């Protein structure tokens, strides 16, 4: 049985479009005004939708916050995965000067390859944030001021840690799985704070310097081992 239609679209399509509009409005409010600016009333006002339609899509403000946070996180993760996959397919090494500085000093070509992949990953994330400054606030800043986002932030850690674990375990003579995971979790916290400093416009911290430092930090920490052997 076909779905009912209204003005040429199905009711399901219209509901889906309203959900997208609500998430877009939530992203704008969270990314510009912060978590305090995300209220059901503000989102409905921005979308010109009634609260009835808001609650058709979300149980409440908290559910919308999680949806906004998850969407930006998914976008970031997909960008990183795509760029790293393209780098692997191309042989791993880039040609720009800042990237060459990142990989210089590694005698083992496998280490240079790992540094190239790390640079590609952090560079992709940096570009992702530069393209839309709201993303940095949604993904990195606002979890310090909102408990819902703070809890959801913890839920997102395994997915982002897995990206780092893949790079760490690919290193020659790399650590075991436990150390790789612990290092990845620690690096997420360190990288987050680096990006927050960069987002604040710290003098002397250019985009190129950020990318190079973050990539080298990943490689430097990658072989930390707690096995005691």
N, C-alpha and C. Protein backbone atom coordinates (compact mmCIF):
# COMPACT_ATOMS: atom_id res chain seq x y z
N UNK A 1 0.85 -1.18 0.00
CA UNK A 1 0.00 0.00 0.00
C UNK A 1 0.89 1.24 0.00
N UNK A 2 0.61 2.18 -0.89
CA UNK A 2 1.43 3.38 -1.01
C UNK A 2 1.16 4.34 0.14
N UNK A 3 2.16 5.16 0.46
CA UNK A 3 2.03 6.15 1.52
C UNK A 3 1.12 7.28 1.06
N UNK A 4 0.44 7.89 2.00
CA UNK A 4 -0.39 9.05 1.68
C UNK A 4 0.51 10.20 1.26
N UNK A 5 0.00 11.01 0.35
CA UNK A 5 0.79 12.15 -0.12
C UNK A 5 0.07 13.45 0.20
N UNK A 6 0.88 14.51 0.27
CA UNK A 6 0.34 15.84 0.50
C UNK A 6 1.21 16.81 -0.29
N UNK A 7 0.59 17.55 -1.22
CA UNK A 7 1.32 18.48 -2.08
C UNK A 7 2.44 17.78 -2.83
N UNK A 8 2.20 16.55 -3.23
CA UNK A 8 3.16 15.84 -4.07
C UNK A 8 4.23 15.08 -3.31
N UNK A 9 4.25 15.14 -2.00
CA UNK A 9 5.25 14.40 -1.23
C UNK A 9 4.55 13.54 -0.20
N UNK A 10 5.21 12.46 0.19
CA UNK A 10 4.61 11.58 1.20
C UNK A 10 4.72 12.22 2.57
N UNK A 11 3.88 11.77 3.48
CA UNK A 11 3.93 12.27 4.85
C UNK A 11 5.27 11.93 5.51
N UNK A 12 5.81 10.76 5.14
CA UNK A 12 7.10 10.36 5.70
C UNK A 12 8.21 11.30 5.23
N UNK A 13 8.14 11.68 3.93
CA UNK A 13 9.15 12.59 3.40
C UNK A 13 9.06 13.96 4.07
N UNK A 14 7.87 14.42 4.32
CA UNK A 14 7.70 15.71 4.97
C UNK A 14 8.21 15.67 6.41
N UNK A 15 7.96 14.56 7.09
CA UNK A 15 8.46 14.41 8.46
C UNK A 15 9.99 14.38 8.47
N UNK A 16 10.57 13.68 7.48
CA UNK A 16 12.03 13.61 7.39
C UNK A 16 12.62 14.99 7.10
N UNK A 17 11.96 15.75 6.26
CA UNK A 17 12.43 17.10 5.94
C UNK A 17 12.36 18.00 7.16
N UNK A 18 11.31 17.84 7.95
CA UNK A 18 11.20 18.64 9.18
C UNK A 18 12.32 18.28 10.16
N UNK A 19 12.63 17.01 10.26
CA UNK A 19 13.72 16.58 11.16
C UNK A 19 15.04 17.20 10.72
N UNK A 20 15.30 17.18 9.43
CA UNK A 20 16.54 17.78 8.90
C UNK A 20 16.59 19.27 9.23
N UNK A 21 15.46 19.95 9.04
CA UNK A 21 15.40 21.38 9.33
C UNK A 21 15.66 21.66 10.80
N UNK A 22 15.12 20.81 11.67
CA UNK A 22 15.32 20.98 13.10
C UNK A 22 16.79 20.78 13.49
N UNK A 23 17.43 19.77 12.89
CA UNK A 23 18.84 19.52 13.17
C UNK A 23 19.69 20.67 12.64
N UNK A 24 19.35 21.17 11.46
CA UNK A 24 20.09 22.31 10.90
C UNK A 24 19.97 23.53 11.81
N UNK A 25 18.76 23.77 12.31
CA UNK A 25 18.57 24.90 13.22
C UNK A 25 19.33 24.68 14.53
N UNK A 26 19.31 23.45 15.01
CA UNK A 26 20.06 23.13 16.23
C UNK A 26 21.55 23.33 16.04
N UNK A 27 22.04 22.96 14.86
CA UNK A 27 23.47 23.15 14.55
C UNK A 27 23.83 24.63 14.54
N UNK A 28 22.98 25.43 13.93
CA UNK A 28 23.23 26.87 13.88
C UNK A 28 23.24 27.48 15.29
N UNK A 29 22.27 27.11 16.10
CA UNK A 29 22.19 27.67 17.44
C UNK A 29 23.34 27.18 18.32
N UNK A 30 23.63 25.89 18.26
CA UNK A 30 24.71 25.34 19.09
C UNK A 30 26.06 25.88 18.64
N UNK A 31 26.21 26.04 17.33
CA UNK A 31 27.49 26.49 16.80
C UNK A 31 27.73 27.98 16.90
N UNK A 32 26.70 28.76 17.18
CA UNK A 32 26.86 30.21 17.26
C UNK A 32 26.56 30.76 18.64
N UNK A 33 25.52 30.24 19.28
CA UNK A 33 25.13 30.74 20.59
C UNK A 33 25.54 29.83 21.74
N UNK A 34 25.88 28.59 21.41
CA UNK A 34 26.23 27.63 22.45
C UNK A 34 25.03 26.85 22.92
N UNK A 35 25.29 25.90 23.82
CA UNK A 35 24.23 25.00 24.28
C UNK A 35 23.07 25.74 24.94
N UNK A 36 23.36 26.83 25.63
CA UNK A 36 22.30 27.58 26.30
C UNK A 36 21.30 28.16 25.30
N UNK A 37 21.75 28.39 24.08
CA UNK A 37 20.86 28.96 23.07
C UNK A 37 19.96 27.95 22.39
N UNK A 38 20.19 26.66 22.66
CA UNK A 38 19.39 25.61 22.04
C UNK A 38 18.22 25.27 22.95
N UNK A 39 17.08 25.84 22.66
CA UNK A 39 15.84 25.53 23.37
C UNK A 39 14.80 25.09 22.35
N UNK A 40 13.80 24.39 22.82
CA UNK A 40 12.74 23.96 21.91
C UNK A 40 12.10 25.19 21.26
N UNK A 41 11.85 26.21 22.03
CA UNK A 41 11.22 27.41 21.49
C UNK A 41 12.09 28.08 20.43
N UNK A 42 13.40 28.17 20.69
CA UNK A 42 14.30 28.83 19.74
C UNK A 42 14.39 28.05 18.44
N UNK A 43 14.44 26.73 18.55
CA UNK A 43 14.54 25.90 17.35
C UNK A 43 13.24 25.99 16.54
N UNK A 44 12.11 25.96 17.21
CA UNK A 44 10.83 26.08 16.50
C UNK A 44 10.70 27.45 15.84
N UNK A 45 11.18 28.47 16.52
CA UNK A 45 11.13 29.81 15.93
C UNK A 45 12.01 29.89 14.69
N UNK A 46 13.18 29.28 14.75
CA UNK A 46 14.11 29.32 13.62
C UNK A 46 13.58 28.56 12.42
N UNK A 47 12.86 27.47 12.67
CA UNK A 47 12.35 26.64 11.58
C UNK A 47 10.93 26.99 11.17
N UNK A 48 10.28 27.85 11.99
CA UNK A 48 8.86 28.19 11.76
C UNK A 48 7.98 26.94 11.84
N UNK A 49 8.37 26.03 12.73
CA UNK A 49 7.58 24.83 12.98
C UNK A 49 7.00 24.90 14.38
N UNK A 50 5.86 24.27 14.56
CA UNK A 50 5.24 24.25 15.88
C UNK A 50 5.93 23.21 16.76
N UNK A 51 5.71 23.33 18.08
CA UNK A 51 6.29 22.36 18.99
C UNK A 51 5.75 20.96 18.72
N UNK A 52 4.58 20.89 18.20
CA UNK A 52 4.01 19.57 17.84
C UNK A 52 4.93 18.85 16.88
N UNK A 53 5.43 19.58 15.88
CA UNK A 53 6.32 18.96 14.91
C UNK A 53 7.70 18.69 15.51
N UNK A 54 8.14 19.53 16.45
CA UNK A 54 9.41 19.25 17.12
C UNK A 54 9.32 17.89 17.82
N UNK A 55 8.27 17.71 18.59
CA UNK A 55 8.15 16.47 19.37
C UNK A 55 7.78 15.27 18.51
N UNK A 56 7.42 15.50 17.29
CA UNK A 56 7.25 14.41 16.33
C UNK A 56 8.61 13.77 16.02
N UNK A 57 9.67 14.60 16.03
CA UNK A 57 11.01 14.12 15.69
C UNK A 57 11.88 13.81 16.90
N UNK A 58 11.70 14.56 17.99
CA UNK A 58 12.59 14.42 19.15
C UNK A 58 11.79 14.39 20.44
N UNK A 59 12.31 13.62 21.40
CA UNK A 59 11.65 13.55 22.70
C UNK A 59 11.80 14.86 23.47
N UNK A 60 12.82 15.61 23.16
CA UNK A 60 13.04 16.88 23.85
C UNK A 60 14.35 17.49 23.40
N UNK A 61 14.75 18.56 24.07
CA UNK A 61 15.98 19.28 23.72
C UNK A 61 17.20 18.38 23.75
N UNK A 62 17.30 17.50 24.75
CA UNK A 62 18.47 16.65 24.89
C UNK A 62 18.66 15.75 23.66
N UNK A 63 17.56 15.22 23.16
CA UNK A 63 17.63 14.35 21.99
C UNK A 63 18.10 15.13 20.76
N UNK A 64 17.67 16.36 20.64
CA UNK A 64 18.12 17.19 19.52
C UNK A 64 19.61 17.48 19.65
N UNK A 65 20.08 17.82 20.85
CA UNK A 65 21.50 18.08 21.05
C UNK A 65 22.34 16.87 20.65
N UNK A 66 21.90 15.69 21.04
CA UNK A 66 22.65 14.48 20.69
C UNK A 66 22.66 14.27 19.18
N UNK A 67 21.54 14.56 18.54
CA UNK A 67 21.45 14.39 17.08
C UNK A 67 22.38 15.35 16.35
N UNK A 68 22.43 16.59 16.81
CA UNK A 68 23.32 17.58 16.21
C UNK A 68 24.77 17.16 16.40
N UNK A 69 25.11 16.80 17.62
CA UNK A 69 26.48 16.39 17.95
C UNK A 69 26.89 15.17 17.14
N UNK A 70 25.99 14.19 17.04
CA UNK A 70 26.29 12.96 16.30
C UNK A 70 26.47 13.25 14.81
N UNK A 71 25.67 14.14 14.26
CA UNK A 71 25.77 14.43 12.84
C UNK A 71 27.12 15.07 12.50
N UNK A 72 27.53 16.04 13.29
CA UNK A 72 28.82 16.69 13.03
C UNK A 72 29.96 15.70 13.24
N UNK A 73 29.86 14.86 14.25
CA UNK A 73 30.90 13.85 14.49
C UNK A 73 30.98 12.86 13.33
N UNK A 74 29.84 12.42 12.83
CA UNK A 74 29.83 11.51 11.69
C UNK A 74 30.45 12.15 10.47
N UNK A 75 30.14 13.41 10.24
CA UNK A 75 30.71 14.13 9.10
C UNK A 75 32.23 14.20 9.23
N UNK A 76 32.71 14.52 10.42
CA UNK A 76 34.15 14.63 10.64
C UNK A 76 34.83 13.28 10.43
N UNK A 77 34.26 12.24 10.99
CA UNK A 77 34.85 10.91 10.87
C UNK A 77 34.87 10.46 9.41
N UNK A 78 33.81 10.71 8.68
CA UNK A 78 33.76 10.32 7.27
C UNK A 78 34.80 11.05 6.44
N UNK A 79 35.00 12.34 6.75
CA UNK A 79 36.02 13.12 6.03
C UNK A 79 37.40 12.54 6.28
N UNK A 80 37.71 12.23 7.54
CA UNK A 80 39.02 11.68 7.89
C UNK A 80 39.24 10.34 7.20
N UNK A 81 38.25 9.46 7.28
CA UNK A 81 38.36 8.13 6.67
C UNK A 81 38.60 8.24 5.17
N UNK A 82 37.85 9.12 4.51
CA UNK A 82 37.98 9.26 3.06
C UNK A 82 39.35 9.77 2.65
N UNK A 83 39.86 10.77 3.39
CA UNK A 83 41.17 11.34 3.04
C UNK A 83 42.29 10.33 3.29
N UNK A 84 42.23 9.62 4.41
CA UNK A 84 43.26 8.62 4.70
C UNK A 84 43.22 7.49 3.67
N UNK A 85 42.02 7.05 3.31
CA UNK A 85 41.89 5.99 2.30
C UNK A 85 42.48 6.43 0.97
N UNK A 86 42.23 7.68 0.60
CA UNK A 86 42.79 8.20 -0.66
C UNK A 86 44.30 8.26 -0.59
N UNK A 87 44.85 8.64 0.59
CA UNK A 87 46.30 8.70 0.76
C UNK A 87 46.91 7.32 0.65
N UNK A 88 46.26 6.33 1.25
CA UNK A 88 46.75 4.95 1.17
C UNK A 88 46.76 4.48 -0.28
N UNK A 89 45.68 4.77 -0.99
CA UNK A 89 45.58 4.36 -2.38
C UNK A 89 46.64 5.03 -3.26
N UNK A 90 47.03 6.25 -2.86
CA UNK A 90 48.02 7.00 -3.65
C UNK A 90 49.45 6.68 -3.24
N UNK A 91 49.62 5.82 -2.25
CA UNK A 91 50.96 5.46 -1.83
C UNK A 91 51.41 6.12 -0.56
N UNK A 92 50.56 6.98 0.02
CA UNK A 92 50.81 7.46 1.37
C UNK A 92 51.47 8.79 1.53
N UNK A 93 52.21 9.30 0.56
CA UNK A 93 52.99 10.50 0.81
C UNK A 93 52.49 11.68 0.00
N UNK A 94 52.44 12.84 0.64
CA UNK A 94 52.04 14.06 -0.03
C UNK A 94 53.27 14.84 -0.46
N UNK A 95 53.09 15.91 -1.21
CA UNK A 95 54.23 16.62 -1.77
C UNK A 95 54.40 18.03 -1.24
N UNK A 96 53.45 18.55 -0.45
CA UNK A 96 53.59 19.92 0.01
C UNK A 96 54.69 20.04 1.05
N UNK A 97 55.24 21.25 1.19
CA UNK A 97 56.40 21.46 2.03
C UNK A 97 56.14 21.16 3.50
N UNK A 98 54.97 21.57 4.00
CA UNK A 98 54.67 21.34 5.41
C UNK A 98 54.59 19.85 5.71
N UNK A 99 54.08 19.08 4.76
CA UNK A 99 54.00 17.64 4.95
C UNK A 99 55.39 17.03 4.92
N UNK A 100 56.25 17.52 4.04
CA UNK A 100 57.61 17.02 3.98
C UNK A 100 58.34 17.26 5.29
N UNK A 101 58.07 18.40 5.93
CA UNK A 101 58.68 18.69 7.22
C UNK A 101 58.19 17.72 8.29
N UNK A 102 56.97 17.28 8.17
CA UNK A 102 56.41 16.35 9.14
C UNK A 102 57.05 14.98 9.03
N UNK A 103 57.31 14.53 7.82
CA UNK A 103 57.85 13.19 7.62
C UNK A 103 59.37 13.15 7.66
N UNK A 104 60.02 14.31 7.61
CA UNK A 104 61.48 14.35 7.64
C UNK A 104 62.01 13.83 8.97
N UNK A 105 63.14 13.16 8.91
CA UNK A 105 63.77 12.67 10.13
C UNK A 105 63.42 11.24 10.47
N UNK A 106 62.51 10.64 9.74
CA UNK A 106 62.18 9.23 9.96
C UNK A 106 62.99 8.38 8.98
N UNK A 107 63.89 7.56 9.51
CA UNK A 107 64.74 6.75 8.64
C UNK A 107 63.96 5.61 7.99
N UNK A 108 63.06 5.01 8.74
CA UNK A 108 62.28 3.88 8.22
C UNK A 108 61.17 4.41 7.32
N UNK A 109 61.09 3.96 6.07
CA UNK A 109 60.03 4.43 5.19
C UNK A 109 58.63 4.12 5.71
N UNK A 110 58.52 3.09 6.54
CA UNK A 110 57.21 2.77 7.11
C UNK A 110 56.81 3.84 8.13
N UNK A 111 57.80 4.39 8.84
CA UNK A 111 57.50 5.49 9.76
C UNK A 111 57.11 6.74 8.98
N UNK A 112 57.78 6.99 7.87
CA UNK A 112 57.42 8.15 7.05
C UNK A 112 56.01 7.99 6.51
N UNK A 113 55.68 6.77 6.13
CA UNK A 113 54.32 6.50 5.63
C UNK A 113 53.29 6.74 6.73
N UNK A 114 53.60 6.29 7.95
CA UNK A 114 52.69 6.50 9.08
C UNK A 114 52.52 7.98 9.37
N UNK A 115 53.64 8.73 9.31
CA UNK A 115 53.56 10.17 9.54
C UNK A 115 52.73 10.85 8.46
N UNK A 116 52.87 10.37 7.22
CA UNK A 116 52.08 10.92 6.12
C UNK A 116 50.59 10.70 6.35
N UNK A 117 50.24 9.52 6.82
CA UNK A 117 48.83 9.22 7.09
C UNK A 117 48.31 10.06 8.25
N UNK A 118 49.12 10.22 9.29
CA UNK A 118 48.72 11.04 10.43
C UNK A 118 48.50 12.49 9.99
N UNK A 119 49.41 12.97 9.15
CA UNK A 119 49.26 14.35 8.66
C UNK A 119 48.00 14.49 7.82
N UNK A 120 47.73 13.49 6.98
CA UNK A 120 46.52 13.53 6.16
C UNK A 120 45.27 13.57 7.03
N UNK A 121 45.28 12.78 8.11
CA UNK A 121 44.11 12.71 8.99
C UNK A 121 43.88 14.03 9.71
N UNK A 122 44.92 14.56 10.35
CA UNK A 122 44.72 15.80 11.10
C UNK A 122 44.47 16.97 10.15
N UNK A 123 45.10 16.93 8.97
CA UNK A 123 44.85 17.99 8.00
C UNK A 123 43.41 18.00 7.52
N UNK A 124 42.86 16.80 7.33
CA UNK A 124 41.46 16.71 6.92
C UNK A 124 40.54 17.25 7.99
N UNK A 125 40.84 16.94 9.26
CA UNK A 125 40.01 17.43 10.36
C UNK A 125 40.12 18.94 10.49
N UNK A 126 41.34 19.45 10.34
CA UNK A 126 41.53 20.90 10.41
C UNK A 126 40.74 21.61 9.33
N UNK A 127 40.81 21.11 8.12
CA UNK A 127 40.06 21.71 7.01
C UNK A 127 38.57 21.65 7.27
N UNK A 128 38.12 20.53 7.83
CA UNK A 128 36.71 20.36 8.17
C UNK A 128 36.25 21.46 9.11
N UNK A 129 37.07 21.80 10.08
CA UNK A 129 36.72 22.85 11.04
C UNK A 129 36.81 24.23 10.40
N UNK A 130 37.80 24.43 9.56
CA UNK A 130 37.97 25.73 8.90
C UNK A 130 36.80 26.04 7.98
N UNK A 131 36.27 25.02 7.32
CA UNK A 131 35.19 25.23 6.36
C UNK A 131 33.91 25.75 7.04
N UNK A 132 33.72 25.40 8.29
CA UNK A 132 32.53 25.85 9.02
C UNK A 132 32.88 25.95 10.49
N UNK A 133 33.22 27.15 10.98
CA UNK A 133 33.64 27.32 12.37
C UNK A 133 32.63 26.81 13.40
N UNK A 134 31.36 26.69 13.02
CA UNK A 134 30.37 26.16 13.96
C UNK A 134 30.72 24.74 14.37
N UNK A 135 31.36 24.01 13.47
CA UNK A 135 31.65 22.60 13.74
C UNK A 135 32.58 22.44 14.94
N UNK A 136 33.56 23.32 15.06
CA UNK A 136 34.47 23.22 16.19
C UNK A 136 33.77 23.44 17.51
N UNK A 137 32.86 24.39 17.52
CA UNK A 137 32.13 24.66 18.76
C UNK A 137 31.21 23.50 19.10
N UNK A 138 30.52 22.96 18.10
CA UNK A 138 29.62 21.82 18.32
C UNK A 138 30.40 20.60 18.82
N UNK A 139 31.51 20.32 18.16
CA UNK A 139 32.22 19.06 18.41
C UNK A 139 33.22 19.13 19.55
N UNK A 140 33.82 20.30 19.78
CA UNK A 140 34.93 20.37 20.73
C UNK A 140 34.66 21.23 21.96
N UNK A 141 33.96 22.32 21.81
CA UNK A 141 33.86 23.30 22.90
C UNK A 141 32.68 23.08 23.83
N UNK A 142 31.50 22.86 23.27
CA UNK A 142 30.29 22.95 24.07
C UNK A 142 30.07 21.82 25.05
N UNK A 143 30.80 20.72 24.88
CA UNK A 143 30.64 19.63 25.86
C UNK A 143 31.19 20.01 27.22
N UNK A 144 31.99 21.10 27.29
CA UNK A 144 32.47 21.57 28.58
C UNK A 144 31.39 22.32 29.36
N UNK A 145 30.35 22.75 28.65
CA UNK A 145 29.33 23.56 29.31
C UNK A 145 27.97 22.88 29.38
N UNK A 146 27.84 21.71 28.81
CA UNK A 146 26.54 21.03 28.79
C UNK A 146 26.72 19.56 29.13
N UNK A 147 26.00 19.08 30.12
CA UNK A 147 26.18 17.70 30.57
C UNK A 147 25.70 16.68 29.54
N UNK A 148 24.67 17.02 28.78
CA UNK A 148 24.18 16.10 27.75
C UNK A 148 25.27 15.87 26.70
N UNK A 149 25.89 16.95 26.25
CA UNK A 149 26.96 16.84 25.27
C UNK A 149 28.18 16.16 25.86
N UNK A 150 28.46 16.41 27.13
CA UNK A 150 29.61 15.77 27.78
C UNK A 150 29.44 14.26 27.80
N UNK A 151 28.23 13.79 28.12
CA UNK A 151 27.98 12.34 28.13
C UNK A 151 28.06 11.77 26.72
N UNK A 152 27.50 12.51 25.77
CA UNK A 152 27.53 12.01 24.39
C UNK A 152 28.95 12.02 23.85
N UNK A 153 29.75 12.98 24.29
CA UNK A 153 31.14 13.05 23.89
C UNK A 153 31.87 11.76 24.26
N UNK A 154 31.60 11.26 25.46
CA UNK A 154 32.23 10.01 25.91
C UNK A 154 31.80 8.85 25.03
N UNK A 155 30.54 8.86 24.61
CA UNK A 155 30.04 7.79 23.75
C UNK A 155 30.72 7.80 22.38
N UNK A 156 31.19 8.97 21.95
CA UNK A 156 31.82 9.08 20.63
C UNK A 156 33.29 8.67 20.64
N UNK A 157 33.89 8.61 21.82
CA UNK A 157 35.33 8.34 21.91
C UNK A 157 35.74 7.06 21.19
N UNK A 158 35.05 5.91 21.37
CA UNK A 158 35.51 4.69 20.71
C UNK A 158 35.61 4.81 19.19
N UNK A 159 34.68 5.49 18.57
CA UNK A 159 34.71 5.61 17.11
C UNK A 159 35.91 6.40 16.64
N UNK A 160 36.24 7.49 17.33
CA UNK A 160 37.40 8.29 16.95
C UNK A 160 38.70 7.61 17.37
N UNK A 161 38.67 6.92 18.51
CA UNK A 161 39.86 6.18 18.94
C UNK A 161 40.22 5.10 17.94
N UNK A 162 39.21 4.49 17.33
CA UNK A 162 39.47 3.43 16.36
C UNK A 162 40.26 3.95 15.16
N UNK A 163 40.05 5.20 14.79
CA UNK A 163 40.82 5.78 13.68
C UNK A 163 42.30 5.86 14.04
N UNK A 164 42.58 6.25 15.28
CA UNK A 164 43.97 6.34 15.73
C UNK A 164 44.58 4.96 15.95
N UNK A 165 43.80 4.03 16.48
CA UNK A 165 44.30 2.67 16.70
C UNK A 165 44.75 2.06 15.38
N UNK A 166 44.00 2.31 14.32
CA UNK A 166 44.36 1.75 13.01
C UNK A 166 45.72 2.27 12.56
N UNK A 167 46.01 3.53 12.85
CA UNK A 167 47.31 4.09 12.47
C UNK A 167 48.42 3.58 13.38
N UNK A 168 48.14 3.48 14.67
CA UNK A 168 49.16 3.04 15.63
C UNK A 168 49.57 1.60 15.38
N UNK A 169 48.60 0.72 15.17
CA UNK A 169 48.90 -0.70 14.99
C UNK A 169 49.55 -0.98 13.64
N UNK A 170 49.47 -0.02 12.71
CA UNK A 170 50.11 -0.21 11.40
C UNK A 170 51.60 0.11 11.44
N UNK A 171 52.08 0.72 12.53
CA UNK A 171 53.50 1.05 12.65
C UNK A 171 54.35 -0.21 12.78
N UNK A 172 55.57 -0.18 12.24
CA UNK A 172 56.48 -1.31 12.47
C UNK A 172 56.84 -1.37 13.95
N UNK A 173 56.85 -2.57 14.52
CA UNK A 173 57.16 -2.75 15.94
C UNK A 173 56.24 -1.92 16.83
N UNK A 174 54.99 -1.85 16.46
CA UNK A 174 54.03 -1.08 17.22
C UNK A 174 53.62 -1.78 18.50
N UNK A 175 52.83 -1.11 19.34
CA UNK A 175 52.42 -1.69 20.62
C UNK A 175 51.33 -2.73 20.44
N UNK A 176 50.98 -3.39 21.54
CA UNK A 176 49.89 -4.36 21.46
C UNK A 176 48.55 -3.61 21.44
N UNK A 177 47.48 -4.38 21.32
CA UNK A 177 46.15 -3.78 21.14
C UNK A 177 45.73 -2.93 22.34
N UNK A 178 46.08 -3.37 23.56
CA UNK A 178 45.70 -2.62 24.75
C UNK A 178 46.39 -1.26 24.77
N UNK A 179 47.72 -1.27 24.55
CA UNK A 179 48.45 -0.01 24.55
C UNK A 179 48.00 0.90 23.42
N UNK A 180 47.70 0.31 22.26
CA UNK A 180 47.24 1.12 21.13
C UNK A 180 45.94 1.84 21.48
N UNK A 181 45.03 1.12 22.13
CA UNK A 181 43.75 1.73 22.50
C UNK A 181 43.93 2.81 23.57
N UNK A 182 44.77 2.53 24.58
CA UNK A 182 45.01 3.51 25.63
C UNK A 182 45.65 4.78 25.07
N UNK A 183 46.61 4.59 24.19
CA UNK A 183 47.27 5.75 23.58
C UNK A 183 46.29 6.54 22.73
N UNK A 184 45.44 5.85 22.00
CA UNK A 184 44.46 6.53 21.16
C UNK A 184 43.52 7.39 22.00
N UNK A 185 43.05 6.85 23.12
CA UNK A 185 42.16 7.61 23.99
C UNK A 185 42.88 8.83 24.57
N UNK A 186 44.14 8.64 24.98
CA UNK A 186 44.92 9.75 25.52
C UNK A 186 45.15 10.82 24.45
N UNK A 187 45.42 10.39 23.23
CA UNK A 187 45.66 11.34 22.15
C UNK A 187 44.42 12.16 21.81
N UNK A 188 43.25 11.55 21.93
CA UNK A 188 42.02 12.30 21.66
C UNK A 188 41.92 13.50 22.58
N UNK A 189 42.24 13.30 23.86
CA UNK A 189 42.20 14.41 24.80
C UNK A 189 43.25 15.46 24.47
N UNK A 190 44.47 15.02 24.14
CA UNK A 190 45.54 15.95 23.82
C UNK A 190 45.23 16.73 22.55
N UNK A 191 44.77 16.04 21.53
CA UNK A 191 44.47 16.71 20.26
C UNK A 191 43.30 17.67 20.41
N UNK A 192 42.33 17.30 21.21
CA UNK A 192 41.20 18.19 21.45
C UNK A 192 41.66 19.52 22.02
N UNK A 193 42.56 19.46 22.99
CA UNK A 193 43.03 20.70 23.61
C UNK A 193 43.90 21.51 22.66
N UNK A 194 44.67 20.83 21.83
CA UNK A 194 45.43 21.54 20.80
C UNK A 194 44.50 22.32 19.89
N UNK A 195 43.45 21.68 19.44
CA UNK A 195 42.51 22.33 18.53
C UNK A 195 41.76 23.48 19.22
N UNK A 196 41.46 23.33 20.49
CA UNK A 196 40.79 24.41 21.20
C UNK A 196 41.69 25.64 21.27
N UNK A 197 42.98 25.43 21.52
CA UNK A 197 43.93 26.55 21.55
C UNK A 197 44.00 27.21 20.16
N UNK A 198 44.05 26.38 19.14
CA UNK A 198 44.10 26.90 17.76
C UNK A 198 42.83 27.67 17.42
N UNK A 199 41.67 27.15 17.84
CA UNK A 199 40.40 27.82 17.56
C UNK A 199 40.32 29.19 18.22
N UNK A 200 41.00 29.34 19.35
CA UNK A 200 41.00 30.61 20.05
C UNK A 200 41.92 31.63 19.39
N UNK A 201 42.67 31.18 18.38
CA UNK A 201 43.54 32.10 17.65
C UNK A 201 44.85 32.40 18.34
N UNK A 202 45.45 31.39 18.96
CA UNK A 202 46.72 31.61 19.65
C UNK A 202 47.77 32.15 18.68
N UNK A 203 48.43 33.24 19.01
CA UNK A 203 49.48 33.80 18.15
C UNK A 203 50.59 32.80 17.89
N UNK A 204 51.02 32.71 16.65
CA UNK A 204 52.11 31.82 16.29
C UNK A 204 51.68 30.40 15.95
N UNK A 205 50.43 30.06 16.22
CA UNK A 205 49.97 28.71 15.93
C UNK A 205 49.19 28.73 14.61
N UNK A 206 49.92 28.61 13.53
CA UNK A 206 49.29 28.59 12.21
C UNK A 206 48.66 27.23 11.96
N UNK A 207 47.85 27.16 10.94
CA UNK A 207 47.23 25.89 10.57
C UNK A 207 48.30 24.86 10.23
N UNK A 208 49.33 25.29 9.50
CA UNK A 208 50.40 24.37 9.11
C UNK A 208 51.14 23.85 10.34
N UNK A 209 51.41 24.75 11.29
CA UNK A 209 52.11 24.33 12.51
C UNK A 209 51.24 23.37 13.32
N UNK A 210 49.97 23.65 13.40
CA UNK A 210 49.05 22.76 14.11
C UNK A 210 49.08 21.37 13.51
N UNK A 211 48.92 21.28 12.19
CA UNK A 211 48.87 19.98 11.54
C UNK A 211 50.17 19.20 11.73
N UNK A 212 51.29 19.89 11.57
CA UNK A 212 52.58 19.22 11.71
C UNK A 212 52.79 18.74 13.14
N UNK A 213 52.45 19.58 14.11
CA UNK A 213 52.64 19.21 15.51
C UNK A 213 51.72 18.04 15.89
N UNK A 214 50.47 18.11 15.47
CA UNK A 214 49.53 17.04 15.81
C UNK A 214 49.96 15.71 15.20
N UNK A 215 50.42 15.74 13.96
CA UNK A 215 50.85 14.50 13.29
C UNK A 215 52.07 13.90 13.99
N UNK A 216 53.04 14.74 14.33
CA UNK A 216 54.23 14.25 15.02
C UNK A 216 53.90 13.77 16.44
N UNK A 217 52.95 14.40 17.08
CA UNK A 217 52.52 13.96 18.40
C UNK A 217 51.96 12.54 18.33
N UNK A 218 51.15 12.28 17.32
CA UNK A 218 50.58 10.94 17.15
C UNK A 218 51.68 9.90 16.99
N UNK A 219 52.65 10.18 16.13
CA UNK A 219 53.72 9.22 15.89
C UNK A 219 54.60 9.06 17.11
N UNK A 220 54.88 10.17 17.82
CA UNK A 220 55.73 10.10 19.01
C UNK A 220 55.08 9.26 20.11
N UNK A 221 53.77 9.36 20.25
CA UNK A 221 53.08 8.63 21.31
C UNK A 221 52.75 7.19 20.92
N UNK A 222 52.83 6.89 19.65
CA UNK A 222 52.29 5.63 19.14
C UNK A 222 52.97 4.39 19.72
N UNK A 223 54.23 4.49 20.08
CA UNK A 223 54.94 3.29 20.55
C UNK A 223 55.02 3.19 22.08
N UNK A 224 54.28 4.01 22.76
CA UNK A 224 54.26 3.90 24.23
C UNK A 224 53.73 2.54 24.61
N UNK A 225 54.47 1.86 25.50
CA UNK A 225 54.09 0.50 25.89
C UNK A 225 54.08 0.38 27.41
N UNK A 226 53.09 -0.33 27.93
CA UNK A 226 52.98 -0.56 29.37
C UNK A 226 53.15 -2.04 29.71
N UNK A 227 53.66 -2.80 28.74
CA UNK A 227 53.78 -4.25 28.95
C UNK A 227 54.91 -4.60 29.90
N UNK A 228 55.93 -3.74 29.98
CA UNK A 228 57.03 -4.00 30.90
C UNK A 228 57.98 -5.06 30.41
N UNK A 229 58.04 -5.31 29.08
CA UNK A 229 58.97 -6.31 28.58
C UNK A 229 59.95 -5.66 27.61
